[in-house]
Amino acid sequence: MKIIVIGGGEIGSRLTRLLSENKHDVVLVEIINELCQELADNLNATLIHGDGTKPDVLEEAGIEDADALVVATGEDETNLLSCLVAREMSSLRIITRATKEEYKKIFLKIGVNSIVSPETSTVDQLEAMITEPDVVDMALIHEGNLELIELEVEKKSNVMNKPITKIEFPKESLVVAIKRGEKFIIPEEEEKLMAGDKVVIIVRKTLEEKIRGMFKP
């Protein structure tokens, strides 16, 4: 199998070593240059110094013909953005690390196949999720009461030029990302929505029409 691993920390590097030892073709993406160079000297894998949330880096890693992607940085927000970008680019199997309970349904809703908790999952179990996907598929537990919607900010929209924190979104909704041109943005509190932005939102089904109404001029 060809497998891309994003994040060269303890989990990512140990998993890369295990997969390589089991004769898989592994590409490891790491954003910190010094760590990338160190890992290149110690792992039998292709190392790419780059940001795994960027489409061009994923293209360089070979996402078009990869069988699986493992996102294993230490930041849930970074992992979420990497998964969003990867899912836009490919239908490959995606496994991600997540520590915050409230993010897990969001990962599943955007098309992540399996989620691992660094506190309870071993590298061996993670390898099994990649090479034996039928064994564990956490997407099966999704309750189906949430919607992932994408809304465009039109000119003269009620939300245009407003910071995320100043928009009165319902409590049972979450702005996951903003597509601005070719970029995916995990919004900070003061991030303003601009005309043409496509906003990705997780929302309870019963509130979908209310959210759509907020984006109308």
N, C-alpha and C. Protein backbone atom coordinates (compact mmCIF):
# COMPACT_ATOMS: atom_id res chain seq x y z
N MET A 1 0.83 -1.20 0.00
CA MET A 1 0.00 0.00 0.00
C MET A 1 0.87 1.25 0.00
N LYS A 2 0.36 2.30 -0.63
CA LYS A 2 1.00 3.60 -0.52
C LYS A 2 0.25 4.42 0.53
N ILE A 3 0.99 4.89 1.53
CA ILE A 3 0.38 5.57 2.67
C ILE A 3 1.10 6.88 2.93
N ILE A 4 0.34 7.94 3.11
CA ILE A 4 0.89 9.25 3.47
C ILE A 4 0.63 9.48 4.95
N VAL A 5 1.66 9.88 5.68
CA VAL A 5 1.53 10.22 7.10
C VAL A 5 1.86 11.69 7.26
N ILE A 6 0.97 12.44 7.89
CA ILE A 6 1.22 13.86 8.15
C ILE A 6 1.53 14.03 9.64
N GLY A 7 2.71 14.55 9.93
CA GLY A 7 3.12 14.74 11.31
C GLY A 7 4.21 13.77 11.71
N GLY A 8 5.39 14.30 12.00
CA GLY A 8 6.52 13.44 12.33
C GLY A 8 6.82 13.35 13.81
N GLY A 9 5.81 13.59 14.64
CA GLY A 9 5.99 13.43 16.09
C GLY A 9 6.12 11.97 16.46
N GLU A 10 5.91 11.67 17.74
CA GLU A 10 6.11 10.31 18.23
C GLU A 10 5.21 9.31 17.50
N ILE A 11 3.90 9.63 17.38
CA ILE A 11 2.98 8.71 16.74
C ILE A 11 3.30 8.56 15.25
N GLY A 12 3.46 9.69 14.56
CA GLY A 12 3.71 9.65 13.13
C GLY A 12 5.00 8.94 12.77
N SER A 13 6.07 9.20 13.52
CA SER A 13 7.36 8.58 13.21
C SER A 13 7.35 7.09 13.53
N ARG A 14 6.73 6.70 14.65
CA ARG A 14 6.67 5.27 15.00
C ARG A 14 5.81 4.51 13.99
N LEU A 15 4.71 5.13 13.57
CA LEU A 15 3.85 4.48 12.59
C LEU A 15 4.58 4.33 11.25
N THR A 16 5.28 5.38 10.84
CA THR A 16 6.04 5.31 9.59
C THR A 16 7.06 4.19 9.63
N ARG A 17 7.76 4.06 10.75
CA ARG A 17 8.75 3.00 10.88
C ARG A 17 8.09 1.62 10.76
N LEU A 18 6.95 1.44 11.46
CA LEU A 18 6.26 0.15 11.45
C LEU A 18 5.77 -0.19 10.05
N LEU A 19 5.16 0.78 9.39
CA LEU A 19 4.63 0.54 8.04
C LEU A 19 5.76 0.23 7.06
N SER A 20 6.86 0.95 7.19
CA SER A 20 8.00 0.70 6.30
C SER A 20 8.58 -0.69 6.53
N GLU A 21 8.67 -1.10 7.79
CA GLU A 21 9.18 -2.43 8.10
C GLU A 21 8.27 -3.52 7.53
N ASN A 22 6.98 -3.21 7.38
CA ASN A 22 6.03 -4.16 6.81
C ASN A 22 5.87 -3.99 5.30
N LYS A 23 6.88 -3.32 4.70
CA LYS A 23 7.01 -3.24 3.24
C LYS A 23 5.97 -2.36 2.56
N HIS A 24 5.41 -1.39 3.28
CA HIS A 24 4.50 -0.44 2.65
C HIS A 24 5.31 0.76 2.13
N ASP A 25 4.79 1.41 1.11
CA ASP A 25 5.41 2.61 0.54
C ASP A 25 4.88 3.81 1.32
N VAL A 26 5.74 4.43 2.13
CA VAL A 26 5.29 5.47 3.05
C VAL A 26 5.94 6.81 2.72
N VAL A 27 5.11 7.86 2.71
CA VAL A 27 5.59 9.24 2.57
C VAL A 27 5.22 9.98 3.85
N LEU A 28 6.21 10.54 4.52
CA LEU A 28 5.97 11.27 5.76
C LEU A 28 6.16 12.76 5.51
N VAL A 29 5.14 13.55 5.88
CA VAL A 29 5.17 15.01 5.71
C VAL A 29 5.35 15.65 7.09
N GLU A 30 6.37 16.50 7.21
CA GLU A 30 6.64 17.17 8.49
C GLU A 30 6.98 18.63 8.22
N ILE A 31 6.37 19.52 8.99
CA ILE A 31 6.52 20.96 8.74
C ILE A 31 7.78 21.54 9.34
N ILE A 32 8.33 20.93 10.39
CA ILE A 32 9.54 21.45 11.04
C ILE A 32 10.76 20.90 10.32
N ASN A 33 11.55 21.78 9.75
CA ASN A 33 12.66 21.37 8.90
C ASN A 33 13.69 20.52 9.65
N GLU A 34 14.07 20.93 10.87
CA GLU A 34 15.08 20.19 11.63
C GLU A 34 14.61 18.77 11.93
N LEU A 35 13.34 18.63 12.32
CA LEU A 35 12.80 17.31 12.61
C LEU A 35 12.73 16.47 11.34
N CYS A 36 12.37 17.10 10.24
CA CYS A 36 12.29 16.39 8.96
C CYS A 36 13.65 15.82 8.57
N GLN A 37 14.71 16.61 8.74
CA GLN A 37 16.05 16.14 8.40
C GLN A 37 16.48 15.01 9.31
N GLU A 38 16.15 15.12 10.60
CA GLU A 38 16.50 14.07 11.56
C GLU A 38 15.80 12.76 11.21
N LEU A 39 14.50 12.85 10.88
CA LEU A 39 13.74 11.65 10.55
C LEU A 39 14.23 11.02 9.25
N ALA A 40 14.67 11.85 8.31
CA ALA A 40 15.16 11.34 7.03
C ALA A 40 16.37 10.44 7.22
N ASP A 41 17.15 10.71 8.26
CA ASP A 41 18.34 9.91 8.53
C ASP A 41 18.02 8.61 9.25
N ASN A 42 16.79 8.51 9.79
CA ASN A 42 16.48 7.37 10.65
C ASN A 42 15.31 6.52 10.17
N LEU A 43 14.64 6.92 9.11
CA LEU A 43 13.48 6.18 8.63
C LEU A 43 13.66 5.77 7.17
N ASN A 44 13.19 4.60 6.85
CA ASN A 44 13.23 4.11 5.48
C ASN A 44 11.93 4.51 4.78
N ALA A 45 11.78 5.81 4.55
CA ALA A 45 10.57 6.35 3.95
C ALA A 45 10.92 7.63 3.22
N THR A 46 10.01 8.09 2.36
CA THR A 46 10.19 9.37 1.69
C THR A 46 9.76 10.48 2.64
N LEU A 47 10.63 11.45 2.85
CA LEU A 47 10.33 12.58 3.74
C LEU A 47 10.10 13.84 2.92
N ILE A 48 9.03 14.56 3.25
CA ILE A 48 8.73 15.84 2.59
C ILE A 48 8.64 16.91 3.66
N HIS A 49 9.44 17.95 3.52
CA HIS A 49 9.34 19.10 4.42
C HIS A 49 8.26 20.03 3.88
N GLY A 50 7.13 20.12 4.61
CA GLY A 50 6.05 20.96 4.13
C GLY A 50 4.87 20.93 5.06
N ASP A 51 3.89 21.74 4.74
CA ASP A 51 2.67 21.89 5.52
C ASP A 51 1.59 20.96 4.96
N GLY A 52 1.20 19.98 5.75
CA GLY A 52 0.24 18.98 5.31
C GLY A 52 -1.18 19.48 5.13
N THR A 53 -1.41 20.77 5.39
CA THR A 53 -2.73 21.34 5.12
C THR A 53 -2.79 21.99 3.74
N LYS A 54 -1.67 21.98 3.01
CA LYS A 54 -1.59 22.66 1.72
C LYS A 54 -1.79 21.66 0.57
N PRO A 55 -2.68 21.99 -0.38
CA PRO A 55 -2.91 21.08 -1.51
C PRO A 55 -1.66 20.73 -2.29
N ASP A 56 -0.76 21.71 -2.50
CA ASP A 56 0.43 21.41 -3.30
C ASP A 56 1.36 20.42 -2.60
N VAL A 57 1.39 20.47 -1.26
CA VAL A 57 2.22 19.53 -0.51
C VAL A 57 1.63 18.12 -0.60
N LEU A 58 0.30 18.03 -0.49
CA LEU A 58 -0.36 16.73 -0.62
C LEU A 58 -0.18 16.17 -2.03
N GLU A 59 -0.20 17.03 -3.02
CA GLU A 59 0.06 16.59 -4.40
C GLU A 59 1.48 16.04 -4.52
N GLU A 60 2.44 16.76 -3.93
CA GLU A 60 3.84 16.30 -3.96
C GLU A 60 3.99 14.95 -3.27
N ALA A 61 3.19 14.74 -2.21
CA ALA A 61 3.25 13.47 -1.48
C ALA A 61 2.60 12.33 -2.26
N GLY A 62 1.86 12.66 -3.31
CA GLY A 62 1.26 11.63 -4.15
C GLY A 62 -0.13 11.21 -3.74
N ILE A 63 -0.93 12.17 -3.29
CA ILE A 63 -2.27 11.84 -2.80
C ILE A 63 -3.16 11.22 -3.88
N GLU A 64 -2.88 11.55 -5.14
CA GLU A 64 -3.74 11.05 -6.22
C GLU A 64 -3.72 9.53 -6.34
N ASP A 65 -2.58 8.91 -6.01
CA ASP A 65 -2.52 7.46 -6.12
C ASP A 65 -2.24 6.76 -4.79
N ALA A 66 -2.41 7.48 -3.69
CA ALA A 66 -2.22 6.88 -2.36
C ALA A 66 -3.45 6.08 -1.96
N ASP A 67 -3.23 5.07 -1.14
CA ASP A 67 -4.32 4.24 -0.64
C ASP A 67 -4.91 4.77 0.67
N ALA A 68 -4.07 5.43 1.47
CA ALA A 68 -4.54 5.90 2.77
C ALA A 68 -3.73 7.11 3.21
N LEU A 69 -4.37 7.93 4.03
CA LEU A 69 -3.74 9.10 4.62
C LEU A 69 -3.93 9.04 6.13
N VAL A 70 -2.85 9.20 6.87
CA VAL A 70 -2.92 9.25 8.33
C VAL A 70 -2.50 10.64 8.77
N VAL A 71 -3.38 11.33 9.49
CA VAL A 71 -3.09 12.69 9.95
C VAL A 71 -2.82 12.62 11.45
N ALA A 72 -1.56 12.88 11.83
CA ALA A 72 -1.15 12.58 13.20
C ALA A 72 -0.37 13.71 13.85
N THR A 73 -0.73 14.97 13.55
CA THR A 73 -0.08 16.06 14.27
C THR A 73 -0.70 16.15 15.66
N GLY A 74 -0.12 16.98 16.50
CA GLY A 74 -0.62 17.10 17.87
C GLY A 74 -1.73 18.11 18.05
N GLU A 75 -2.19 18.72 16.94
CA GLU A 75 -3.23 19.76 17.02
C GLU A 75 -4.48 19.31 16.28
N ASP A 76 -5.60 19.20 17.00
CA ASP A 76 -6.85 18.79 16.37
C ASP A 76 -7.25 19.71 15.23
N GLU A 77 -7.03 21.02 15.40
CA GLU A 77 -7.43 21.98 14.38
C GLU A 77 -6.64 21.78 13.10
N THR A 78 -5.33 21.54 13.24
CA THR A 78 -4.49 21.27 12.07
C THR A 78 -4.91 19.98 11.40
N ASN A 79 -5.19 18.96 12.21
CA ASN A 79 -5.63 17.68 11.65
C ASN A 79 -6.94 17.83 10.88
N LEU A 80 -7.85 18.62 11.44
CA LEU A 80 -9.14 18.84 10.78
C LEU A 80 -8.96 19.51 9.43
N LEU A 81 -8.11 20.51 9.37
CA LEU A 81 -7.88 21.22 8.11
C LEU A 81 -7.22 20.30 7.08
N SER A 82 -6.26 19.49 7.52
CA SER A 82 -5.62 18.54 6.61
C SER A 82 -6.64 17.55 6.05
N CYS A 83 -7.52 17.08 6.90
CA CYS A 83 -8.55 16.13 6.45
C CYS A 83 -9.51 16.77 5.46
N LEU A 84 -9.89 18.01 5.72
CA LEU A 84 -10.79 18.72 4.81
C LEU A 84 -10.16 18.87 3.42
N VAL A 85 -8.92 19.30 3.40
CA VAL A 85 -8.24 19.51 2.12
C VAL A 85 -8.06 18.18 1.40
N ALA A 86 -7.65 17.15 2.14
CA ALA A 86 -7.43 15.84 1.53
C ALA A 86 -8.71 15.27 0.96
N ARG A 87 -9.82 15.43 1.69
CA ARG A 87 -11.08 14.87 1.21
C ARG A 87 -11.56 15.60 -0.04
N GLU A 88 -11.25 16.89 -0.16
CA GLU A 88 -11.58 17.63 -1.37
C GLU A 88 -10.80 17.10 -2.57
N MET A 89 -9.61 16.57 -2.30
CA MET A 89 -8.71 16.16 -3.37
C MET A 89 -8.83 14.68 -3.74
N SER A 90 -9.31 13.85 -2.83
CA SER A 90 -9.25 12.41 -3.06
C SER A 90 -10.29 11.67 -2.24
N SER A 91 -10.62 10.47 -2.70
CA SER A 91 -11.54 9.60 -1.97
C SER A 91 -10.79 8.53 -1.19
N LEU A 92 -9.49 8.69 -1.00
CA LEU A 92 -8.69 7.70 -0.28
C LEU A 92 -9.15 7.58 1.16
N ARG A 93 -8.73 6.50 1.83
CA ARG A 93 -9.10 6.29 3.22
C ARG A 93 -8.31 7.27 4.10
N ILE A 94 -9.02 7.94 5.03
CA ILE A 94 -8.39 8.91 5.93
C ILE A 94 -8.56 8.46 7.37
N ILE A 95 -7.45 8.40 8.08
CA ILE A 95 -7.45 8.10 9.51
C ILE A 95 -6.81 9.29 10.21
N THR A 96 -7.40 9.76 11.28
CA THR A 96 -6.85 10.94 11.94
C THR A 96 -6.76 10.75 13.45
N ARG A 97 -5.86 11.48 14.03
CA ARG A 97 -5.73 11.57 15.48
C ARG A 97 -6.64 12.68 15.97
N ALA A 98 -7.32 12.46 17.08
CA ALA A 98 -8.18 13.49 17.69
C ALA A 98 -8.16 13.34 19.20
N THR A 99 -8.05 14.46 19.90
CA THR A 99 -8.05 14.42 21.36
C THR A 99 -9.31 15.04 21.96
N LYS A 100 -9.91 16.00 21.24
CA LYS A 100 -11.09 16.69 21.78
C LYS A 100 -12.36 15.97 21.37
N GLU A 101 -13.14 15.60 22.35
CA GLU A 101 -14.34 14.81 22.11
C GLU A 101 -15.31 15.52 21.18
N GLU A 102 -15.41 16.84 21.31
CA GLU A 102 -16.39 17.58 20.51
C GLU A 102 -16.03 17.61 19.03
N TYR A 103 -14.79 17.29 18.68
CA TYR A 103 -14.38 17.30 17.29
C TYR A 103 -14.65 15.98 16.58
N LYS A 104 -14.87 14.91 17.32
CA LYS A 104 -14.90 13.59 16.70
C LYS A 104 -16.04 13.44 15.69
N LYS A 105 -17.23 13.93 16.01
CA LYS A 105 -18.33 13.83 15.06
C LYS A 105 -18.07 14.70 13.84
N ILE A 106 -17.35 15.80 14.03
CA ILE A 106 -17.04 16.66 12.89
C ILE A 106 -16.11 15.93 11.93
N PHE A 107 -15.10 15.27 12.47
CA PHE A 107 -14.20 14.49 11.62
C PHE A 107 -14.98 13.46 10.81
N LEU A 108 -15.88 12.77 11.45
CA LEU A 108 -16.66 11.75 10.76
C LEU A 108 -17.56 12.36 9.69
N LYS A 109 -18.14 13.51 10.01
CA LYS A 109 -19.07 14.14 9.08
C LYS A 109 -18.38 14.63 7.81
N ILE A 110 -17.12 15.03 7.90
CA ILE A 110 -16.43 15.53 6.72
C ILE A 110 -15.83 14.39 5.89
N GLY A 111 -16.03 13.16 6.34
CA GLY A 111 -15.59 12.04 5.52
C GLY A 111 -14.37 11.30 6.01
N VAL A 112 -13.93 11.58 7.25
CA VAL A 112 -12.84 10.80 7.83
C VAL A 112 -13.36 9.40 8.13
N ASN A 113 -12.59 8.39 7.80
CA ASN A 113 -13.05 7.01 7.96
C ASN A 113 -12.88 6.49 9.38
N SER A 114 -11.77 6.83 10.02
CA SER A 114 -11.53 6.33 11.37
C SER A 114 -10.80 7.38 12.19
N ILE A 115 -11.05 7.35 13.50
CA ILE A 115 -10.43 8.29 14.43
C ILE A 115 -9.69 7.50 15.50
N VAL A 116 -8.50 7.97 15.86
CA VAL A 116 -7.76 7.33 16.94
C VAL A 116 -7.52 8.34 18.05
N SER A 117 -7.57 7.85 19.26
CA SER A 117 -7.23 8.66 20.42
C SER A 117 -5.82 8.31 20.83
N PRO A 118 -4.93 9.29 20.92
CA PRO A 118 -3.54 8.98 21.28
C PRO A 118 -3.40 8.38 22.67
N GLU A 119 -4.41 8.61 23.52
CA GLU A 119 -4.33 8.06 24.88
C GLU A 119 -4.67 6.58 24.94
N THR A 120 -5.48 6.09 23.99
CA THR A 120 -5.98 4.72 24.09
C THR A 120 -5.58 3.82 22.93
N SER A 121 -5.05 4.38 21.86
CA SER A 121 -4.72 3.57 20.68
C SER A 121 -3.21 3.37 20.56
N THR A 122 -2.80 2.16 20.21
CA THR A 122 -1.40 1.87 19.97
C THR A 122 -1.08 2.02 18.49
N VAL A 123 0.21 2.08 18.18
CA VAL A 123 0.61 2.17 16.78
C VAL A 123 0.19 0.92 16.03
N ASP A 124 0.24 -0.24 16.68
CA ASP A 124 -0.19 -1.48 16.04
C ASP A 124 -1.67 -1.41 15.65
N GLN A 125 -2.50 -0.86 16.55
CA GLN A 125 -3.92 -0.72 16.25
C GLN A 125 -4.14 0.26 15.09
N LEU A 126 -3.34 1.29 15.06
CA LEU A 126 -3.45 2.28 13.99
C LEU A 126 -3.09 1.64 12.65
N GLU A 127 -2.05 0.82 12.64
CA GLU A 127 -1.69 0.13 11.41
C GLU A 127 -2.83 -0.77 10.94
N ALA A 128 -3.51 -1.42 11.89
CA ALA A 128 -4.64 -2.30 11.53
C ALA A 128 -5.77 -1.50 10.89
N MET A 129 -5.99 -0.28 11.35
CA MET A 129 -7.04 0.56 10.77
C MET A 129 -6.72 0.89 9.31
N ILE A 130 -5.42 0.97 9.00
CA ILE A 130 -5.01 1.31 7.64
C ILE A 130 -5.06 0.08 6.74
N THR A 131 -4.46 -1.00 7.20
CA THR A 131 -4.29 -2.18 6.34
C THR A 131 -5.46 -3.14 6.40
N GLU A 132 -6.29 -3.05 7.47
CA GLU A 132 -7.47 -3.89 7.59
C GLU A 132 -8.67 -3.02 7.95
N PRO A 133 -9.10 -2.18 7.02
CA PRO A 133 -10.11 -1.16 7.33
C PRO A 133 -11.46 -1.72 7.75
N ASP A 134 -11.76 -2.96 7.39
CA ASP A 134 -13.05 -3.52 7.77
C ASP A 134 -13.12 -3.88 9.25
N VAL A 135 -11.96 -3.92 9.90
CA VAL A 135 -11.94 -4.30 11.31
C VAL A 135 -12.57 -3.22 12.18
N VAL A 136 -12.18 -1.97 11.89
CA VAL A 136 -12.69 -0.83 12.68
C VAL A 136 -13.08 0.29 11.74
N ASP A 137 -14.31 0.75 11.80
CA ASP A 137 -14.72 1.90 11.02
C ASP A 137 -15.66 2.72 11.89
N MET A 138 -15.13 3.74 12.52
CA MET A 138 -15.90 4.51 13.49
C MET A 138 -17.00 5.32 12.84
N ALA A 139 -16.99 5.44 11.50
CA ALA A 139 -18.06 6.18 10.84
C ALA A 139 -19.41 5.50 11.07
N LEU A 140 -19.39 4.22 11.39
CA LEU A 140 -20.64 3.49 11.59
C LEU A 140 -21.39 3.97 12.83
N ILE A 141 -20.70 4.66 13.75
CA ILE A 141 -21.37 5.06 14.98
C ILE A 141 -22.04 6.44 14.85
N HIS A 142 -21.84 7.09 13.71
CA HIS A 142 -22.43 8.43 13.57
C HIS A 142 -23.94 8.37 13.62
N GLU A 143 -24.54 9.23 14.41
CA GLU A 143 -25.97 9.17 14.66
C GLU A 143 -26.82 9.77 13.56
N GLY A 144 -26.23 10.55 12.69
CA GLY A 144 -26.97 11.08 11.55
C GLY A 144 -27.85 12.29 11.84
N ASN A 145 -27.63 12.99 12.98
CA ASN A 145 -28.48 14.13 13.29
C ASN A 145 -27.79 15.47 13.00
N LEU A 146 -26.62 15.42 12.34
CA LEU A 146 -25.90 16.62 11.99
C LEU A 146 -25.78 16.74 10.48
N GLU A 147 -25.63 17.97 10.02
CA GLU A 147 -25.42 18.21 8.60
C GLU A 147 -24.12 18.99 8.43
N LEU A 148 -23.40 18.68 7.38
CA LEU A 148 -22.24 19.48 6.98
C LEU A 148 -22.68 20.28 5.77
N ILE A 149 -22.74 21.59 5.90
CA ILE A 149 -23.22 22.42 4.80
C ILE A 149 -22.14 23.43 4.41
N GLU A 150 -22.19 23.86 3.15
CA GLU A 150 -21.26 24.85 2.64
C GLU A 150 -22.07 26.00 2.06
N LEU A 151 -21.87 27.19 2.60
CA LEU A 151 -22.64 28.35 2.18
C LEU A 151 -21.70 29.44 1.69
N GLU A 152 -22.07 30.08 0.59
CA GLU A 152 -21.24 31.15 0.05
C GLU A 152 -21.70 32.50 0.59
N VAL A 153 -20.73 33.33 0.93
CA VAL A 153 -21.03 34.68 1.39
C VAL A 153 -21.24 35.57 0.17
N GLU A 154 -22.46 35.99 -0.03
CA GLU A 154 -22.77 36.84 -1.18
C GLU A 154 -22.56 38.31 -0.84
N LYS A 155 -22.41 39.13 -1.88
CA LYS A 155 -22.33 40.56 -1.65
C LYS A 155 -23.61 41.04 -0.99
N LYS A 156 -23.48 41.90 -0.02
CA LYS A 156 -24.60 42.45 0.76
C LYS A 156 -25.23 41.41 1.69
N SER A 157 -24.56 40.24 1.85
CA SER A 157 -25.05 39.25 2.81
C SER A 157 -24.96 39.83 4.22
N ASN A 158 -25.85 39.38 5.09
CA ASN A 158 -25.87 39.87 6.47
C ASN A 158 -24.61 39.52 7.25
N VAL A 159 -23.87 38.51 6.78
CA VAL A 159 -22.68 38.10 7.53
C VAL A 159 -21.39 38.66 6.95
N MET A 160 -21.46 39.34 5.80
CA MET A 160 -20.25 39.83 5.15
C MET A 160 -19.55 40.88 5.99
N ASN A 161 -18.23 40.78 6.05
CA ASN A 161 -17.36 41.71 6.78
C ASN A 161 -17.55 41.67 8.29
N LYS A 162 -18.18 40.63 8.79
CA LYS A 162 -18.37 40.49 10.24
C LYS A 162 -17.41 39.43 10.79
N PRO A 163 -16.79 39.69 11.95
CA PRO A 163 -15.98 38.65 12.60
C PRO A 163 -16.88 37.49 13.02
N ILE A 164 -16.32 36.29 13.04
CA ILE A 164 -17.07 35.10 13.40
C ILE A 164 -17.77 35.28 14.75
N THR A 165 -17.07 35.90 15.72
CA THR A 165 -17.64 36.04 17.06
C THR A 165 -18.81 37.02 17.12
N LYS A 166 -18.96 37.86 16.08
CA LYS A 166 -20.04 38.85 16.07
C LYS A 166 -21.28 38.34 15.34
N ILE A 167 -21.18 37.14 14.79
CA ILE A 167 -22.33 36.56 14.09
C ILE A 167 -23.05 35.61 15.05
N GLU A 168 -24.33 35.80 15.21
CA GLU A 168 -25.08 35.03 16.21
C GLU A 168 -25.52 33.68 15.64
N PHE A 169 -24.51 32.79 15.45
CA PHE A 169 -24.83 31.43 15.03
C PHE A 169 -25.53 30.68 16.16
N PRO A 170 -26.46 29.76 15.83
CA PRO A 170 -27.09 28.95 16.88
C PRO A 170 -26.04 28.17 17.66
N LYS A 171 -26.32 27.88 18.91
CA LYS A 171 -25.37 27.16 19.76
C LYS A 171 -25.03 25.79 19.19
N GLU A 172 -25.99 25.14 18.55
CA GLU A 172 -25.75 23.79 18.03
C GLU A 172 -25.24 23.85 16.59
N SER A 173 -24.25 24.70 16.37
CA SER A 173 -23.60 24.81 15.07
C SER A 173 -22.15 25.19 15.31
N LEU A 174 -21.33 24.91 14.31
CA LEU A 174 -19.90 25.21 14.43
C LEU A 174 -19.33 25.52 13.05
N VAL A 175 -18.69 26.69 12.93
CA VAL A 175 -17.99 27.03 11.70
C VAL A 175 -16.68 26.24 11.70
N VAL A 176 -16.56 25.32 10.75
CA VAL A 176 -15.41 24.42 10.70
C VAL A 176 -14.26 25.02 9.90
N ALA A 177 -14.59 25.61 8.76
CA ALA A 177 -13.53 26.13 7.90
C ALA A 177 -14.11 27.14 6.93
N ILE A 178 -13.22 27.92 6.35
CA ILE A 178 -13.58 28.88 5.31
C ILE A 178 -12.73 28.57 4.08
N LYS A 179 -13.38 28.41 2.93
CA LYS A 179 -12.66 28.28 1.67
C LYS A 179 -12.58 29.67 1.05
N ARG A 180 -11.38 30.16 0.91
CA ARG A 180 -11.17 31.48 0.31
C ARG A 180 -10.25 31.31 -0.89
N GLY A 181 -10.85 31.26 -2.07
CA GLY A 181 -10.06 30.95 -3.25
C GLY A 181 -9.55 29.53 -3.16
N GLU A 182 -8.24 29.37 -3.22
CA GLU A 182 -7.62 28.04 -3.15
C GLU A 182 -7.24 27.68 -1.72
N LYS A 183 -7.50 28.57 -0.77
CA LYS A 183 -7.07 28.33 0.61
C LYS A 183 -8.20 27.78 1.47
N PHE A 184 -7.83 26.90 2.42
CA PHE A 184 -8.73 26.50 3.50
C PHE A 184 -8.25 27.20 4.76
N ILE A 185 -9.16 27.82 5.49
CA ILE A 185 -8.81 28.56 6.70
C ILE A 185 -9.59 28.02 7.88
N ILE A 186 -8.89 27.65 8.95
CA ILE A 186 -9.57 27.39 10.22
C ILE A 186 -9.74 28.74 10.89
N PRO A 187 -10.97 29.23 11.04
CA PRO A 187 -11.16 30.63 11.44
C PRO A 187 -10.78 30.91 12.88
N GLU A 188 -10.05 31.99 13.07
CA GLU A 188 -9.81 32.54 14.41
C GLU A 188 -11.05 33.35 14.80
N GLU A 189 -11.12 33.72 16.07
CA GLU A 189 -12.31 34.42 16.57
C GLU A 189 -12.59 35.72 15.81
N GLU A 190 -11.54 36.43 15.41
CA GLU A 190 -11.74 37.73 14.76
C GLU A 190 -11.70 37.63 13.23
N GLU A 191 -11.69 36.41 12.70
CA GLU A 191 -11.69 36.24 11.24
C GLU A 191 -12.98 36.80 10.65
N LYS A 192 -12.86 37.69 9.67
CA LYS A 192 -14.03 38.28 9.03
C LYS A 192 -14.39 37.52 7.77
N LEU A 193 -15.69 37.35 7.54
CA LEU A 193 -16.16 36.70 6.33
C LEU A 193 -16.19 37.70 5.18
N MET A 194 -15.66 37.28 4.05
CA MET A 194 -15.57 38.16 2.89
C MET A 194 -16.47 37.65 1.77
N ALA A 195 -16.90 38.55 0.91
CA ALA A 195 -17.73 38.15 -0.23
C ALA A 195 -17.00 37.11 -1.05
N GLY A 196 -17.69 36.03 -1.40
CA GLY A 196 -17.08 34.95 -2.16
C GLY A 196 -16.57 33.81 -1.30
N ASP A 197 -16.41 34.05 0.01
CA ASP A 197 -16.01 32.96 0.91
C ASP A 197 -17.04 31.85 0.88
N LYS A 198 -16.56 30.61 0.96
CA LYS A 198 -17.45 29.48 1.14
C LYS A 198 -17.22 28.95 2.56
N VAL A 199 -18.26 28.99 3.36
CA VAL A 199 -18.14 28.68 4.78
C VAL A 199 -18.68 27.28 5.04
N VAL A 200 -17.83 26.44 5.64
CA VAL A 200 -18.22 25.06 5.95
C VAL A 200 -18.68 25.02 7.41
N ILE A 201 -19.92 24.56 7.60
CA ILE A 201 -20.54 24.61 8.93
C ILE A 201 -21.14 23.25 9.28
N ILE A 202 -20.89 22.82 10.51
CA ILE A 202 -21.59 21.66 11.07
C ILE A 202 -22.80 22.20 11.83
N VAL A 203 -23.99 21.66 11.53
CA VAL A 203 -25.19 22.19 12.17
C VAL A 203 -26.21 21.06 12.38
N ARG A 204 -26.94 21.17 13.45
CA ARG A 204 -28.02 20.20 13.67
C ARG A 204 -29.05 20.38 12.55
N LYS A 205 -29.58 19.26 12.05
CA LYS A 205 -30.47 19.30 10.89
C LYS A 205 -31.63 20.27 11.06
N THR A 206 -32.18 20.34 12.26
CA THR A 206 -33.35 21.19 12.49
C THR A 206 -33.03 22.67 12.37
N LEU A 207 -31.73 23.02 12.36
CA LEU A 207 -31.34 24.42 12.31
C LEU A 207 -30.76 24.82 10.96
N GLU A 208 -30.76 23.91 10.01
CA GLU A 208 -30.12 24.18 8.72
C GLU A 208 -30.75 25.37 8.01
N GLU A 209 -32.07 25.45 7.96
CA GLU A 209 -32.72 26.54 7.24
C GLU A 209 -32.44 27.88 7.90
N LYS A 210 -32.35 27.88 9.23
CA LYS A 210 -32.04 29.13 9.93
C LYS A 210 -30.65 29.62 9.54
N ILE A 211 -29.68 28.71 9.49
CA ILE A 211 -28.32 29.08 9.10
C ILE A 211 -28.30 29.60 7.67
N ARG A 212 -29.01 28.93 6.77
CA ARG A 212 -29.03 29.38 5.37
C ARG A 212 -29.62 30.78 5.27
N GLY A 213 -30.63 31.06 6.05
CA GLY A 213 -31.25 32.37 6.04
C GLY A 213 -30.30 33.49 6.47
N MET A 214 -29.36 33.16 7.37
CA MET A 214 -28.41 34.14 7.86
C MET A 214 -27.46 34.61 6.76
N PHE A 215 -27.28 33.79 5.71
CA PHE A 215 -26.33 34.14 4.66
C PHE A 215 -26.97 34.88 3.50
N LYS A 216 -28.27 35.07 3.55
CA LYS A 216 -28.95 35.76 2.47
C LYS A 216 -28.80 37.27 2.61
N PRO A 217 -28.77 38.00 1.48
CA PRO A 217 -28.66 39.48 1.54
C PRO A 217 -29.85 40.10 2.24
